[in-house]
């Protein structure tokens, strides 16, 4: 346990030493959860080391970059690559199966709404790549969903200051409504798709 704690401490110091690029790289490789990286970025904002806007921008870019990697994973490697190497990036075949079912059922719009669901927010990028979803649309939806996540957790880390490690306790009150909003948006999207399909069939 002490080893893990020390490792986490060293990683956070590394992020701090790189400033904005530490946040970007930390999110792209996600050795530690994005909430911690962004929360720590907020703590750095409270210290005056970096700006709030800069932390949010680099946090969003890092999140998009990570999902570009997963998109490429699905597009150029497909399921065989996932089954062989997925365990090294903490992605299980059953998660990909679920994400693929969501993507096939709900279409490209799920790339946005799934970003607010734990685990699925990364995994959904793989079936998007496997389906050869247009890269520009994928990037746009990913950025739109990643931006509020960055805004929230950088803000929480900034407001907590030295107590930023309690971010999980603070975030609960915000994350649950965000999930409900994402579900509501998904329902609106499905209704829109249904109405449009009925219009074409008439």
Protein backbone atom coordinates (compact mmCIF):
# COMPACT_ATOMS: atom_id res chain seq x y z
CA UNK A 1 0.00 0.00 0.00
CA UNK A 2 2.85 2.37 0.83
CA UNK A 3 4.41 1.56 -2.54
CA UNK A 4 1.22 2.54 -4.40
CA UNK A 5 0.87 5.71 -2.33
CA UNK A 6 4.49 6.69 -3.03
CA UNK A 7 4.09 5.91 -6.73
CA UNK A 8 0.98 8.08 -6.93
CA UNK A 9 2.82 10.88 -5.12
CA UNK A 10 5.72 10.69 -7.58
CA UNK A 11 3.36 10.72 -10.57
CA UNK A 12 1.60 13.80 -9.24
CA UNK A 13 4.93 15.56 -8.70
CA UNK A 14 5.81 14.67 -12.29
CA UNK A 15 2.54 16.18 -13.50
CA UNK A 16 3.21 19.30 -11.43
CA UNK A 17 6.70 19.67 -12.91
CA UNK A 18 5.30 19.60 -16.45
CA UNK A 19 2.39 21.95 -15.73
CA UNK A 20 -0.17 21.99 -18.53
CA UNK A 21 1.60 19.22 -20.43
CA UNK A 22 1.60 17.08 -17.29
CA UNK A 23 -2.20 17.26 -17.28
CA UNK A 24 -2.35 16.48 -21.00
CA UNK A 25 0.00 13.49 -20.84
CA UNK A 26 -1.54 12.26 -17.58
CA UNK A 27 -4.95 12.09 -19.22
CA UNK A 28 -3.68 10.57 -22.46
CA UNK A 29 -2.00 7.63 -20.75
CA UNK A 30 -4.35 7.59 -17.70
CA UNK A 31 -2.08 5.63 -15.39
CA UNK A 32 -4.11 7.27 -12.65
CA UNK A 33 -7.84 8.15 -13.01
CA UNK A 34 -8.71 11.30 -14.95
CA UNK A 35 -10.63 12.69 -11.96
CA UNK A 36 -7.43 12.70 -9.90
CA UNK A 37 -5.35 14.27 -12.68
CA UNK A 38 -7.92 17.02 -13.26
CA UNK A 39 -8.49 17.52 -9.53
CA UNK A 40 -4.76 17.88 -8.99
CA UNK A 41 -4.69 20.30 -11.90
CA UNK A 42 -7.32 22.32 -10.04
CA UNK A 43 -5.11 22.27 -6.96
CA UNK A 44 -2.27 23.70 -9.07
CA UNK A 45 -4.66 26.42 -10.21
CA UNK A 46 -5.44 27.27 -6.56
CA UNK A 47 -1.68 27.62 -5.97
CA UNK A 48 -1.36 30.00 -8.90
CA UNK A 49 0.97 27.66 -10.82
CA UNK A 50 -1.34 27.43 -13.84
CA UNK A 51 -4.58 29.05 -15.00
CA UNK A 52 -8.06 27.55 -14.79
CA UNK A 53 -8.73 28.00 -18.52
CA UNK A 54 -5.36 26.48 -19.43
CA UNK A 55 -5.95 23.44 -17.19
CA UNK A 56 -9.38 22.89 -18.75
CA UNK A 57 -8.09 23.24 -22.30
CA UNK A 58 -5.16 20.86 -21.81
CA UNK A 59 -7.37 18.47 -19.84
CA UNK A 60 -9.86 18.35 -22.70
CA UNK A 61 -7.11 17.87 -25.29
CA UNK A 62 -5.61 15.06 -23.20
CA UNK A 63 -8.98 13.31 -22.94
CA UNK A 64 -9.54 13.60 -26.68
CA UNK A 65 -6.00 12.33 -27.34
CA UNK A 66 -6.57 9.27 -25.19
CA UNK A 67 -9.73 8.45 -27.11
CA UNK A 68 -7.96 8.96 -30.43
CA UNK A 69 -5.61 6.16 -29.36
CA UNK A 70 -8.54 3.89 -28.47
CA UNK A 71 -10.32 4.80 -31.71
CA UNK A 72 -7.19 3.80 -33.67
CA UNK A 73 -7.02 0.64 -31.55
CA UNK A 74 -10.47 -0.35 -32.82
CA UNK A 75 -10.14 0.94 -36.38
CA UNK A 76 -6.79 -0.58 -37.27
CA UNK A 77 -6.64 -3.56 -34.92
CA UNK A 78 -10.24 -4.53 -34.32
CA UNK A 79 -11.40 -7.21 -31.93
CA UNK A 80 -8.28 -9.45 -32.29
CA UNK A 81 -6.09 -6.62 -30.98
CA UNK A 82 -8.52 -5.91 -28.15
CA UNK A 83 -8.60 -9.56 -27.08
CA UNK A 84 -4.81 -9.82 -27.19
CA UNK A 85 -3.74 -6.52 -25.63
CA UNK A 86 -6.85 -5.03 -24.02
CA UNK A 87 -5.89 -6.31 -20.58
CA UNK A 88 -2.80 -4.11 -20.62
CA UNK A 89 -4.97 -0.99 -20.84
CA UNK A 90 -7.60 -2.32 -18.42
CA UNK A 91 -10.20 -3.03 -21.10
CA UNK A 92 -12.03 -6.34 -20.94
CA UNK A 93 -13.70 -8.03 -23.94
CA UNK A 94 -17.07 -7.94 -22.11
CA UNK A 95 -16.79 -4.14 -21.86
CA UNK A 96 -16.11 -3.93 -25.59
CA UNK A 97 -19.11 -6.23 -26.26
CA UNK A 98 -21.37 -3.91 -24.27
CA UNK A 99 -19.98 -0.79 -25.95
CA UNK A 100 -20.32 -2.36 -29.40
CA UNK A 101 -23.96 -3.28 -28.69
CA UNK A 102 -24.62 0.29 -27.57
CA UNK A 103 -22.96 1.70 -30.67
CA UNK A 104 -24.85 -0.62 -33.04
CA UNK A 105 -28.15 0.09 -31.31
CA UNK A 106 -27.91 3.84 -30.73
CA UNK A 107 -25.52 5.00 -33.43
CA UNK A 108 -22.81 7.66 -33.36
CA UNK A 109 -24.61 9.79 -30.75
CA UNK A 110 -23.73 7.29 -28.06
CA UNK A 111 -20.11 8.47 -28.34
CA UNK A 112 -21.24 11.64 -26.54
CA UNK A 113 -23.59 10.22 -23.92
CA UNK A 114 -21.38 7.24 -22.99
CA UNK A 115 -18.65 9.67 -21.86
CA UNK A 116 -20.66 10.22 -18.68
CA UNK A 117 -20.84 6.51 -17.81
CA UNK A 118 -17.92 4.96 -15.85
CA UNK A 119 -15.77 2.51 -17.88
CA UNK A 120 -17.86 3.07 -21.03
CA UNK A 121 -16.54 6.60 -21.46
CA UNK A 122 -13.25 5.18 -22.74
CA UNK A 123 -14.36 1.84 -24.16
CA UNK A 124 -16.98 3.33 -26.52
CA UNK A 125 -14.13 4.69 -28.65
CA UNK A 126 -13.13 1.17 -29.70
CA UNK A 127 -16.38 0.16 -31.45
CA UNK A 128 -16.51 3.66 -32.94
CA UNK A 129 -13.15 2.90 -34.56
CA UNK A 130 -14.24 -0.60 -35.55
CA UNK A 131 -17.30 0.88 -37.29
CA UNK A 132 -15.05 3.47 -39.03
CA UNK A 133 -17.09 6.34 -37.62
CA UNK A 134 -16.04 9.61 -39.34
CA UNK A 135 -13.00 10.85 -37.44
CA UNK A 136 -14.10 14.48 -37.42
CA UNK A 137 -17.50 13.66 -35.91
CA UNK A 138 -15.88 11.34 -33.39
CA UNK A 139 -13.46 14.08 -32.33
CA UNK A 140 -16.22 16.70 -32.06
CA UNK A 141 -18.51 14.53 -29.90
CA UNK A 142 -15.60 13.43 -27.72
CA UNK A 143 -14.45 17.01 -27.16
CA UNK A 144 -17.99 18.22 -26.38
CA UNK A 145 -18.39 15.49 -23.77
CA UNK A 146 -14.87 15.87 -22.31
CA UNK A 147 -15.10 19.64 -21.85
CA UNK A 148 -17.72 19.65 -19.04
CA UNK A 149 -15.81 16.84 -17.30
CA UNK A 150 -12.65 18.98 -17.33
CA UNK A 151 -14.54 22.11 -16.28
CA UNK A 152 -16.08 20.30 -13.31
CA UNK A 153 -13.09 18.46 -11.89
CA UNK A 154 -10.60 21.28 -12.36
CA UNK A 155 -13.09 23.59 -10.63
CA UNK A 156 -13.59 21.14 -7.76
CA UNK A 157 -9.84 20.69 -7.30
CA UNK A 158 -9.38 24.45 -7.36
CA UNK A 159 -12.16 25.07 -4.81
CA UNK A 160 -10.87 22.36 -2.47
CA UNK A 161 -7.27 23.63 -2.61
CA UNK A 162 -5.10 21.70 -0.15
CA UNK A 163 -8.04 19.36 0.45
CA UNK A 164 -8.23 18.35 -3.24
CA UNK A 165 -7.79 14.66 -2.33
CA UNK A 166 -11.39 14.72 -1.06
CA UNK A 167 -12.59 15.34 -4.59
CA UNK A 168 -14.49 12.03 -4.76
CA UNK A 169 -16.68 13.09 -1.84
CA UNK A 170 -17.37 16.46 -3.45
CA UNK A 171 -17.92 15.14 -6.97
CA UNK A 172 -20.79 12.78 -6.17
CA UNK A 173 -23.32 15.60 -5.98
CA UNK A 174 -22.34 16.71 -9.49
CA UNK A 175 -21.65 13.42 -11.29
CA UNK A 176 -25.07 11.84 -10.68
CA UNK A 177 -27.00 14.79 -12.20
CA UNK A 178 -24.54 14.75 -15.12
CA UNK A 179 -25.37 11.08 -15.77
CA UNK A 180 -29.11 11.86 -15.65
CA UNK A 181 -28.64 14.72 -18.12
CA UNK A 182 -26.67 12.39 -20.41
CA UNK A 183 -29.50 9.84 -20.28
CA UNK A 184 -32.04 12.59 -21.07
CA UNK A 185 -29.91 13.67 -24.05
CA UNK A 186 -29.74 10.07 -25.23
CA UNK A 187 -33.53 9.79 -25.08
CA UNK A 188 -33.90 13.03 -27.08
CA UNK A 189 -31.38 11.70 -29.61
CA UNK A 190 -33.28 8.39 -29.97
CA UNK A 191 -36.60 10.19 -30.41
CA UNK A 192 -35.00 12.39 -33.08
CA UNK A 193 -33.65 9.32 -34.90
CA UNK A 194 -37.03 7.58 -34.71
CA UNK A 195 -38.94 10.62 -36.03
CA UNK A 196 -36.43 11.10 -38.85
CA UNK A 197 -36.61 7.40 -39.85
CA UNK A 198 -40.42 7.55 -39.88
CA UNK A 199 -40.25 10.64 -42.08
CA UNK A 200 -38.03 8.84 -44.59
CA UNK A 201 -40.27 5.77 -44.68
CA UNK A 202 -43.43 7.79 -45.48
